[in-house]
Amino acid sequence: MTAVSPQSSDTTTRRREMKTKKFTGSSIEDATRRAKEAHGADLLRVEPVREVHQATATAQGPAADQALQEVVQRFPEEAFDRQPASLVQEGKKGTVEVEEFDEREARKVWRKTALRGAQIDEMECAVPVKNGIMGMGRRPGRWTVRWTAPYIAEAGYKMPAVVNAMHWG
């Protein structure tokens, strides 16, 4: 956008562009102060975009140290007040038996009780479904599910406040 900027010490006017720049800070007030320091008298208006807010980074891996290292790498560049990473879930392996009438339903039942991030490594039918005669005597099959759950790490951090500063460029 091109606008005319009045010059108080000059009788002529110059064409200058109005520009917008993003500033961040530990609060709206801090971001506004930074905008004022950067643009001084050319600053026209400051509009808050986002308040400071708490966020959490999450990562998973096959080993605890990998999950802890990965979570730290997931911090956004502008994050501050970073908390140390901690494990929220130990990696595990297990086997469980599920009784259902087909494999798809057995997977659904397993998923309801599975740990966060768990994956099925192998699934086999241990006892086949018995259909009975005309539905009478119908019995579910038994499915053996072998699964693995990853180590999961989390770490909290804060995202800075953001303001848009409109100024003469």
N, C-alpha and C. Protein backbone atom coordinates (compact mmCIF):
# COMPACT_ATOMS: atom_id res chain seq x y z
N MET A 1 0.85 -1.18 0.00
CA MET A 1 0.00 0.00 0.00
C MET A 1 0.89 1.23 0.00
N THR A 2 0.60 2.15 -0.87
CA THR A 2 1.35 3.39 -0.93
C THR A 2 0.49 4.49 -0.35
N ALA A 3 1.06 5.28 0.51
CA ALA A 3 0.33 6.38 1.13
C ALA A 3 1.24 7.59 1.19
N VAL A 4 0.63 8.73 1.45
CA VAL A 4 1.40 9.96 1.58
C VAL A 4 1.73 10.15 3.06
N SER A 5 3.00 10.32 3.35
CA SER A 5 3.44 10.53 4.72
C SER A 5 3.72 12.00 4.93
N PRO A 6 3.01 12.65 5.85
CA PRO A 6 3.27 14.07 6.07
C PRO A 6 4.63 14.28 6.72
N GLN A 7 5.34 15.26 6.27
CA GLN A 7 6.63 15.63 6.85
C GLN A 7 6.46 17.00 7.48
N SER A 8 6.51 17.10 8.78
CA SER A 8 6.24 18.35 9.49
C SER A 8 7.30 19.41 9.24
N SER A 9 8.54 19.03 9.03
CA SER A 9 9.60 20.01 8.83
C SER A 9 9.77 20.41 7.37
N ASP A 10 9.00 19.81 6.50
CA ASP A 10 9.15 20.05 5.08
C ASP A 10 7.81 20.47 4.50
N THR A 11 7.78 21.36 3.57
CA THR A 11 6.53 21.80 2.95
C THR A 11 6.11 20.85 1.84
N THR A 12 6.99 19.98 1.40
CA THR A 12 6.64 19.00 0.36
C THR A 12 6.27 17.68 1.03
N THR A 13 5.64 16.83 0.29
CA THR A 13 5.31 15.50 0.81
C THR A 13 6.03 14.46 -0.04
N ARG A 14 6.37 13.32 0.62
CA ARG A 14 7.03 12.22 -0.07
C ARG A 14 6.12 11.01 -0.04
N ARG A 15 6.23 10.21 -1.06
CA ARG A 15 5.47 8.96 -1.07
C ARG A 15 6.30 7.90 -0.34
N ARG A 16 5.68 7.30 0.66
CA ARG A 16 6.33 6.23 1.41
C ARG A 16 5.35 5.08 1.56
N GLU A 17 5.87 3.90 1.65
CA GLU A 17 5.02 2.73 1.80
C GLU A 17 4.76 2.44 3.27
N MET A 18 3.52 1.98 3.53
CA MET A 18 3.21 1.51 4.87
C MET A 18 3.52 0.01 4.87
N LYS A 19 4.30 -0.44 5.84
CA LYS A 19 4.72 -1.82 5.92
C LYS A 19 4.29 -2.43 7.25
N THR A 20 4.26 -3.76 7.26
CA THR A 20 3.92 -4.48 8.49
C THR A 20 5.06 -5.42 8.81
N LYS A 21 5.45 -5.45 10.08
CA LYS A 21 6.52 -6.34 10.52
C LYS A 21 6.09 -7.02 11.81
N LYS A 22 6.48 -8.30 11.94
CA LYS A 22 6.13 -9.09 13.12
C LYS A 22 7.22 -8.92 14.18
N PHE A 23 6.80 -8.71 15.43
CA PHE A 23 7.72 -8.63 16.57
C PHE A 23 7.27 -9.63 17.62
N THR A 24 8.23 -10.26 18.29
CA THR A 24 7.91 -11.21 19.35
C THR A 24 8.52 -10.73 20.66
N GLY A 25 7.98 -11.24 21.77
CA GLY A 25 8.50 -10.89 23.08
C GLY A 25 7.95 -11.80 24.15
N SER A 26 8.42 -11.61 25.37
CA SER A 26 7.97 -12.45 26.49
C SER A 26 6.57 -12.06 26.96
N SER A 27 6.02 -10.96 26.41
CA SER A 27 4.65 -10.52 26.68
C SER A 27 4.25 -9.59 25.53
N ILE A 28 2.97 -9.25 25.46
CA ILE A 28 2.49 -8.30 24.44
C ILE A 28 3.20 -6.96 24.64
N GLU A 29 3.35 -6.57 25.90
CA GLU A 29 4.01 -5.31 26.20
C GLU A 29 5.47 -5.31 25.74
N ASP A 30 6.17 -6.42 25.96
CA ASP A 30 7.56 -6.53 25.55
C ASP A 30 7.68 -6.47 24.02
N ALA A 31 6.81 -7.17 23.30
CA ALA A 31 6.84 -7.14 21.83
C ALA A 31 6.52 -5.74 21.32
N THR A 32 5.57 -5.05 21.96
CA THR A 32 5.22 -3.68 21.57
C THR A 32 6.40 -2.75 21.82
N ARG A 33 7.08 -2.91 22.95
CA ARG A 33 8.26 -2.09 23.25
C ARG A 33 9.33 -2.29 22.18
N ARG A 34 9.55 -3.52 21.75
CA ARG A 34 10.54 -3.80 20.72
C ARG A 34 10.18 -3.13 19.39
N ALA A 35 8.88 -3.13 19.07
CA ALA A 35 8.43 -2.47 17.84
C ALA A 35 8.67 -0.97 17.92
N LYS A 36 8.38 -0.38 19.09
CA LYS A 36 8.59 1.07 19.26
C LYS A 36 10.07 1.43 19.18
N GLU A 37 10.92 0.57 19.77
CA GLU A 37 12.37 0.83 19.70
C GLU A 37 12.88 0.74 18.27
N ALA A 38 12.33 -0.17 17.49
CA ALA A 38 12.81 -0.38 16.13
C ALA A 38 12.33 0.70 15.16
N HIS A 39 11.12 1.22 15.36
CA HIS A 39 10.55 2.14 14.37
C HIS A 39 10.28 3.54 14.88
N GLY A 40 10.31 3.76 16.16
CA GLY A 40 10.17 5.10 16.72
C GLY A 40 8.98 5.87 16.17
N ALA A 41 9.22 7.06 15.62
CA ALA A 41 8.16 7.95 15.15
C ALA A 41 7.46 7.41 13.90
N ASP A 42 8.08 6.47 13.19
CA ASP A 42 7.46 5.90 11.99
C ASP A 42 6.39 4.85 12.32
N LEU A 43 6.32 4.46 13.59
CA LEU A 43 5.35 3.44 14.00
C LEU A 43 3.94 4.03 13.99
N LEU A 44 3.04 3.38 13.26
CA LEU A 44 1.67 3.85 13.16
C LEU A 44 0.74 3.14 14.14
N ARG A 45 0.84 1.82 14.16
CA ARG A 45 -0.10 1.05 14.97
C ARG A 45 0.51 -0.31 15.30
N VAL A 46 0.16 -0.85 16.46
CA VAL A 46 0.60 -2.18 16.87
C VAL A 46 -0.65 -3.00 17.17
N GLU A 47 -0.74 -4.16 16.54
CA GLU A 47 -1.89 -5.05 16.75
C GLU A 47 -1.41 -6.37 17.37
N PRO A 48 -1.95 -6.75 18.53
CA PRO A 48 -1.60 -8.04 19.12
C PRO A 48 -2.10 -9.18 18.23
N VAL A 49 -1.27 -10.19 18.05
CA VAL A 49 -1.63 -11.36 17.25
C VAL A 49 -1.85 -12.56 18.16
N ARG A 50 -0.91 -12.76 19.12
CA ARG A 50 -0.99 -13.94 19.98
C ARG A 50 -0.33 -13.63 21.31
N GLU A 51 -0.98 -14.05 22.40
CA GLU A 51 -0.41 -13.94 23.75
C GLU A 51 0.62 -15.06 23.93
N VAL A 52 1.44 -14.94 24.97
CA VAL A 52 2.36 -16.01 25.33
C VAL A 52 1.51 -17.22 25.70
N HIS A 53 1.92 -18.41 25.25
CA HIS A 53 1.18 -19.61 25.64
C HIS A 53 2.12 -20.79 25.84
N GLN A 54 1.69 -21.69 26.71
CA GLN A 54 2.42 -22.90 27.04
C GLN A 54 2.16 -23.94 25.96
N ALA A 55 3.17 -24.70 25.58
CA ALA A 55 3.04 -25.77 24.60
C ALA A 55 3.88 -26.95 25.04
N THR A 56 3.67 -28.09 24.41
CA THR A 56 4.40 -29.31 24.75
C THR A 56 4.91 -29.97 23.48
N ALA A 57 6.16 -30.36 23.48
CA ALA A 57 6.75 -31.13 22.38
C ALA A 57 6.72 -32.59 22.79
N THR A 58 6.40 -33.47 21.84
CA THR A 58 6.33 -34.90 22.09
C THR A 58 7.13 -35.64 21.02
N ALA A 59 7.83 -36.67 21.43
CA ALA A 59 8.58 -37.49 20.47
C ALA A 59 8.58 -38.93 20.96
N GLN A 60 8.73 -39.84 20.02
CA GLN A 60 8.81 -41.25 20.39
C GLN A 60 9.98 -41.91 19.68
N GLY A 61 10.43 -43.00 20.27
CA GLY A 61 11.55 -43.72 19.69
C GLY A 61 11.65 -45.11 20.26
N PRO A 62 12.48 -45.95 19.64
CA PRO A 62 12.63 -47.33 20.11
C PRO A 62 13.45 -47.45 21.39
N ALA A 63 14.18 -46.37 21.74
CA ALA A 63 14.97 -46.36 22.98
C ALA A 63 14.73 -45.05 23.71
N ALA A 64 14.91 -45.06 25.03
CA ALA A 64 14.65 -43.88 25.86
C ALA A 64 15.51 -42.70 25.44
N ASP A 65 16.81 -42.92 25.24
CA ASP A 65 17.69 -41.80 24.89
C ASP A 65 17.33 -41.19 23.54
N GLN A 66 16.87 -42.00 22.59
CA GLN A 66 16.46 -41.47 21.29
C GLN A 66 15.22 -40.59 21.43
N ALA A 67 14.25 -41.02 22.21
CA ALA A 67 13.03 -40.23 22.42
C ALA A 67 13.36 -38.91 23.12
N LEU A 68 14.24 -38.95 24.11
CA LEU A 68 14.62 -37.74 24.85
C LEU A 68 15.38 -36.75 23.95
N GLN A 69 16.25 -37.25 23.09
CA GLN A 69 16.99 -36.38 22.17
C GLN A 69 16.06 -35.79 21.12
N GLU A 70 15.15 -36.59 20.61
CA GLU A 70 14.24 -36.14 19.55
C GLU A 70 13.31 -35.05 20.06
N VAL A 71 12.82 -35.14 21.28
CA VAL A 71 11.88 -34.14 21.79
C VAL A 71 12.54 -32.77 21.89
N VAL A 72 13.81 -32.72 22.25
CA VAL A 72 14.52 -31.44 22.34
C VAL A 72 14.69 -30.82 20.96
N GLN A 73 14.87 -31.65 19.95
CA GLN A 73 15.01 -31.15 18.57
C GLN A 73 13.69 -30.62 18.01
N ARG A 74 12.59 -30.95 18.63
CA ARG A 74 11.28 -30.49 18.15
C ARG A 74 10.84 -29.14 18.69
N PHE A 75 11.66 -28.53 19.55
CA PHE A 75 11.32 -27.19 20.03
C PHE A 75 11.33 -26.22 18.86
N PRO A 76 10.31 -25.38 18.73
CA PRO A 76 10.37 -24.34 17.70
C PRO A 76 11.52 -23.37 18.02
N GLU A 77 12.05 -22.75 16.99
CA GLU A 77 13.20 -21.86 17.15
C GLU A 77 12.91 -20.73 18.14
N GLU A 78 11.70 -20.16 18.10
CA GLU A 78 11.37 -19.02 18.95
C GLU A 78 10.91 -19.41 20.35
N ALA A 79 10.88 -20.70 20.68
CA ALA A 79 10.45 -21.15 22.01
C ALA A 79 11.40 -20.65 23.09
N PHE A 80 10.84 -20.37 24.29
CA PHE A 80 11.66 -19.97 25.43
C PHE A 80 11.13 -20.64 26.67
N ASP A 81 11.83 -20.49 27.79
CA ASP A 81 11.47 -21.14 29.05
C ASP A 81 11.27 -22.64 28.84
N ARG A 82 12.27 -23.25 28.21
CA ARG A 82 12.20 -24.68 27.86
C ARG A 82 12.41 -25.54 29.10
N GLN A 83 11.55 -26.52 29.27
CA GLN A 83 11.63 -27.43 30.41
C GLN A 83 12.44 -28.67 30.00
N PRO A 84 13.06 -29.36 30.96
CA PRO A 84 13.79 -30.58 30.61
C PRO A 84 12.83 -31.67 30.12
N ALA A 85 13.31 -32.47 29.20
CA ALA A 85 12.51 -33.57 28.66
C ALA A 85 12.40 -34.69 29.69
N SER A 86 11.27 -35.37 29.67
CA SER A 86 11.08 -36.51 30.57
C SER A 86 10.28 -37.59 29.85
N LEU A 87 10.51 -38.83 30.26
CA LEU A 87 9.78 -39.95 29.67
C LEU A 87 8.37 -40.00 30.26
N VAL A 88 7.38 -40.13 29.40
CA VAL A 88 6.00 -40.27 29.88
C VAL A 88 5.49 -41.69 29.64
N GLN A 89 6.25 -42.47 28.84
CA GLN A 89 5.87 -43.87 28.63
C GLN A 89 7.12 -44.68 28.34
N GLU A 90 7.27 -45.78 29.04
CA GLU A 90 8.37 -46.71 28.79
C GLU A 90 8.02 -47.55 27.57
N GLY A 91 9.01 -47.87 26.77
CA GLY A 91 8.80 -48.77 25.64
C GLY A 91 8.51 -50.18 26.15
N LYS A 92 7.57 -50.85 25.52
CA LYS A 92 7.19 -52.20 25.97
C LYS A 92 6.87 -53.08 24.78
N LYS A 93 6.93 -54.39 25.02
CA LYS A 93 6.48 -55.39 24.06
C LYS A 93 5.53 -56.31 24.81
N GLY A 94 4.59 -56.87 24.10
CA GLY A 94 3.66 -57.75 24.77
C GLY A 94 2.88 -58.63 23.81
N THR A 95 2.16 -59.54 24.40
CA THR A 95 1.28 -60.45 23.67
C THR A 95 -0.04 -60.48 24.41
N VAL A 96 -1.12 -60.42 23.65
CA VAL A 96 -2.44 -60.48 24.27
C VAL A 96 -3.34 -61.32 23.36
N GLU A 97 -4.33 -61.97 23.99
CA GLU A 97 -5.30 -62.75 23.20
C GLU A 97 -6.63 -62.03 23.23
N VAL A 98 -7.26 -61.97 22.06
CA VAL A 98 -8.53 -61.27 21.90
C VAL A 98 -9.52 -62.24 21.27
N GLU A 99 -10.74 -62.29 21.83
CA GLU A 99 -11.79 -63.13 21.24
C GLU A 99 -12.75 -62.25 20.47
N GLU A 100 -12.87 -62.55 19.18
CA GLU A 100 -13.78 -61.81 18.30
C GLU A 100 -14.15 -62.70 17.13
N PHE A 101 -15.13 -62.25 16.33
CA PHE A 101 -15.61 -63.04 15.20
C PHE A 101 -14.81 -62.84 13.92
N ASP A 102 -14.01 -61.78 13.83
CA ASP A 102 -13.10 -61.63 12.69
C ASP A 102 -11.88 -60.79 13.09
N GLU A 103 -10.87 -60.82 12.23
CA GLU A 103 -9.60 -60.15 12.56
C GLU A 103 -9.77 -58.64 12.70
N ARG A 104 -10.57 -58.04 11.84
CA ARG A 104 -10.76 -56.58 11.91
C ARG A 104 -11.35 -56.17 13.26
N GLU A 105 -12.35 -56.89 13.73
CA GLU A 105 -12.94 -56.58 15.04
C GLU A 105 -11.96 -56.85 16.18
N ALA A 106 -11.12 -57.88 16.03
CA ALA A 106 -10.11 -58.17 17.05
C ALA A 106 -9.10 -57.02 17.13
N ARG A 107 -8.73 -56.45 15.98
CA ARG A 107 -7.83 -55.30 15.96
C ARG A 107 -8.46 -54.10 16.67
N LYS A 108 -9.75 -53.86 16.43
CA LYS A 108 -10.45 -52.75 17.09
C LYS A 108 -10.46 -52.92 18.60
N VAL A 109 -10.73 -54.14 19.08
CA VAL A 109 -10.76 -54.40 20.52
C VAL A 109 -9.37 -54.18 21.11
N TRP A 110 -8.34 -54.68 20.43
CA TRP A 110 -6.97 -54.49 20.93
C TRP A 110 -6.62 -53.00 20.99
N ARG A 111 -6.97 -52.24 19.97
CA ARG A 111 -6.63 -50.81 19.89
C ARG A 111 -7.20 -50.04 21.08
N LYS A 112 -8.40 -50.42 21.56
CA LYS A 112 -9.03 -49.73 22.69
C LYS A 112 -8.20 -49.86 23.98
N THR A 113 -7.42 -50.92 24.11
CA THR A 113 -6.65 -51.13 25.34
C THR A 113 -5.15 -50.93 25.13
N ALA A 114 -4.74 -50.67 23.91
CA ALA A 114 -3.31 -50.56 23.59
C ALA A 114 -2.70 -49.29 24.18
N LEU A 115 -1.41 -49.34 24.44
CA LEU A 115 -0.66 -48.18 24.90
C LEU A 115 -0.54 -47.17 23.77
N ARG A 116 -0.27 -45.94 24.15
CA ARG A 116 -0.10 -44.85 23.18
C ARG A 116 1.04 -45.17 22.21
N GLY A 117 0.77 -45.07 20.92
CA GLY A 117 1.78 -45.30 19.89
C GLY A 117 2.08 -46.76 19.61
N ALA A 118 1.38 -47.69 20.25
CA ALA A 118 1.65 -49.12 20.06
C ALA A 118 1.30 -49.57 18.65
N GLN A 119 2.07 -50.53 18.16
CA GLN A 119 1.88 -51.09 16.82
C GLN A 119 1.78 -52.61 16.94
N ILE A 120 0.98 -53.19 16.06
CA ILE A 120 0.89 -54.65 16.00
C ILE A 120 2.06 -55.15 15.18
N ASP A 121 2.86 -56.05 15.78
CA ASP A 121 3.98 -56.66 15.07
C ASP A 121 3.52 -57.90 14.31
N GLU A 122 2.61 -58.66 14.94
CA GLU A 122 2.13 -59.89 14.32
C GLU A 122 0.76 -60.22 14.91
N MET A 123 -0.09 -60.76 14.07
CA MET A 123 -1.42 -61.17 14.53
C MET A 123 -1.78 -62.48 13.86
N GLU A 124 -2.16 -63.46 14.69
CA GLU A 124 -2.53 -64.75 14.11
C GLU A 124 -3.76 -65.31 14.82
N CYS A 125 -4.48 -66.11 14.08
CA CYS A 125 -5.70 -66.73 14.63
C CYS A 125 -5.30 -68.03 15.33
N ALA A 126 -5.44 -68.05 16.66
CA ALA A 126 -5.06 -69.22 17.46
C ALA A 126 -6.18 -70.26 17.46
N VAL A 127 -7.43 -69.79 17.54
CA VAL A 127 -8.60 -70.68 17.52
C VAL A 127 -9.58 -70.09 16.50
N PRO A 128 -9.90 -70.82 15.44
CA PRO A 128 -10.80 -70.27 14.42
C PRO A 128 -12.24 -70.07 14.93
N VAL A 129 -12.94 -69.20 14.25
CA VAL A 129 -14.34 -68.91 14.57
C VAL A 129 -15.17 -70.14 14.25
N LYS A 130 -16.15 -70.46 15.13
CA LYS A 130 -17.07 -71.58 14.87
C LYS A 130 -18.42 -70.96 14.52
N ASN A 131 -18.88 -71.23 13.32
CA ASN A 131 -20.13 -70.62 12.85
C ASN A 131 -21.37 -71.33 13.36
N GLY A 132 -21.29 -72.58 13.73
CA GLY A 132 -22.46 -73.28 14.21
C GLY A 132 -23.40 -73.59 13.07
N ILE A 133 -24.61 -74.04 13.42
CA ILE A 133 -25.63 -74.37 12.42
C ILE A 133 -26.70 -73.30 12.49
N MET A 134 -26.85 -72.55 11.40
CA MET A 134 -27.82 -71.47 11.29
C MET A 134 -27.65 -70.46 12.44
N GLY A 135 -26.41 -70.21 12.81
CA GLY A 135 -26.13 -69.21 13.84
C GLY A 135 -26.16 -69.76 15.25
N MET A 136 -26.71 -70.94 15.45
CA MET A 136 -26.76 -71.51 16.80
C MET A 136 -25.43 -72.20 17.09
N GLY A 137 -24.89 -71.91 18.26
CA GLY A 137 -23.61 -72.49 18.64
C GLY A 137 -22.43 -71.72 18.06
N ARG A 138 -22.69 -70.54 17.55
CA ARG A 138 -21.63 -69.70 16.98
C ARG A 138 -20.70 -69.23 18.10
N ARG A 139 -19.38 -69.37 17.87
CA ARG A 139 -18.41 -68.97 18.88
C ARG A 139 -17.32 -68.13 18.23
N PRO A 140 -16.85 -67.10 18.98
CA PRO A 140 -15.78 -66.25 18.42
C PRO A 140 -14.45 -67.01 18.37
N GLY A 141 -13.59 -66.53 17.48
CA GLY A 141 -12.25 -67.07 17.40
C GLY A 141 -11.35 -66.35 18.40
N ARG A 142 -10.16 -66.90 18.58
CA ARG A 142 -9.19 -66.28 19.49
C ARG A 142 -7.99 -65.85 18.65
N TRP A 143 -7.65 -64.57 18.78
CA TRP A 143 -6.56 -63.96 18.01
C TRP A 143 -5.42 -63.62 18.96
N THR A 144 -4.21 -64.01 18.58
CA THR A 144 -3.02 -63.69 19.36
C THR A 144 -2.37 -62.46 18.72
N VAL A 145 -2.22 -61.41 19.52
CA VAL A 145 -1.66 -60.15 19.02
C VAL A 145 -0.32 -59.90 19.72
N ARG A 146 0.76 -59.78 18.91
CA ARG A 146 2.07 -59.40 19.44
C ARG A 146 2.28 -57.93 19.06
N TRP A 147 2.61 -57.12 20.06
CA TRP A 147 2.70 -55.67 19.84
C TRP A 147 3.95 -55.06 20.46
N THR A 148 4.27 -53.87 20.00
CA THR A 148 5.40 -53.09 20.52
C THR A 148 4.93 -51.66 20.73
N ALA A 149 5.27 -51.09 21.87
CA ALA A 149 4.95 -49.68 22.15
C ALA A 149 6.28 -48.92 22.31
N PRO A 150 6.36 -47.71 21.75
CA PRO A 150 7.62 -46.95 21.82
C PRO A 150 7.79 -46.23 23.15
N TYR A 151 9.02 -45.77 23.37
CA TYR A 151 9.30 -44.84 24.47
C TYR A 151 8.75 -43.49 24.01
N ILE A 152 8.09 -42.78 24.90
CA ILE A 152 7.55 -41.46 24.56
C ILE A 152 8.07 -40.44 25.55
N ALA A 153 8.62 -39.34 25.01
CA ALA A 153 9.15 -38.26 25.84
C ALA A 153 8.40 -36.97 25.55
N GLU A 154 8.28 -36.13 26.57
CA GLU A 154 7.62 -34.82 26.41
C GLU A 154 8.44 -33.76 27.12
N ALA A 155 8.30 -32.53 26.64
CA ALA A 155 8.95 -31.38 27.28
C ALA A 155 8.10 -30.15 27.01
N GLY A 156 7.90 -29.34 28.04
CA GLY A 156 7.11 -28.12 27.90
C GLY A 156 7.98 -26.92 27.54
N TYR A 157 7.35 -25.93 26.94
CA TYR A 157 8.03 -24.69 26.59
C TYR A 157 6.98 -23.61 26.40
N LYS A 158 7.42 -22.38 26.28
CA LYS A 158 6.49 -21.27 26.04
C LYS A 158 6.77 -20.69 24.67
N MET A 159 5.70 -20.29 24.01
CA MET A 159 5.80 -19.59 22.72
C MET A 159 5.62 -18.11 23.01
N PRO A 160 6.40 -17.24 22.37
CA PRO A 160 6.36 -15.81 22.67
C PRO A 160 5.09 -15.13 22.18
N ALA A 161 4.83 -13.98 22.77
CA ALA A 161 3.74 -13.14 22.29
C ALA A 161 4.15 -12.57 20.94
N VAL A 162 3.15 -12.30 20.09
CA VAL A 162 3.43 -11.76 18.75
C VAL A 162 2.54 -10.54 18.51
N VAL A 163 3.16 -9.50 17.95
CA VAL A 163 2.39 -8.32 17.52
C VAL A 163 2.80 -7.99 16.09
N ASN A 164 1.85 -7.40 15.34
CA ASN A 164 2.15 -6.85 14.04
C ASN A 164 2.28 -5.35 14.20
N ALA A 165 3.40 -4.80 13.73
CA ALA A 165 3.64 -3.35 13.82
C ALA A 165 3.54 -2.75 12.43
N MET A 166 2.60 -1.82 12.25
CA MET A 166 2.48 -1.12 11.00
C MET A 166 3.29 0.16 11.09
N HIS A 167 4.15 0.38 10.09
CA HIS A 167 5.04 1.53 10.15
C HIS A 167 5.29 2.06 8.73
N TRP A 168 5.83 3.27 8.67
CA TRP A 168 6.24 3.83 7.40
C TRP A 168 7.57 3.22 7.02
N GLY A 169 7.68 2.74 5.80
CA GLY A 169 8.92 2.10 5.38
C GLY A 169 9.77 2.97 4.51
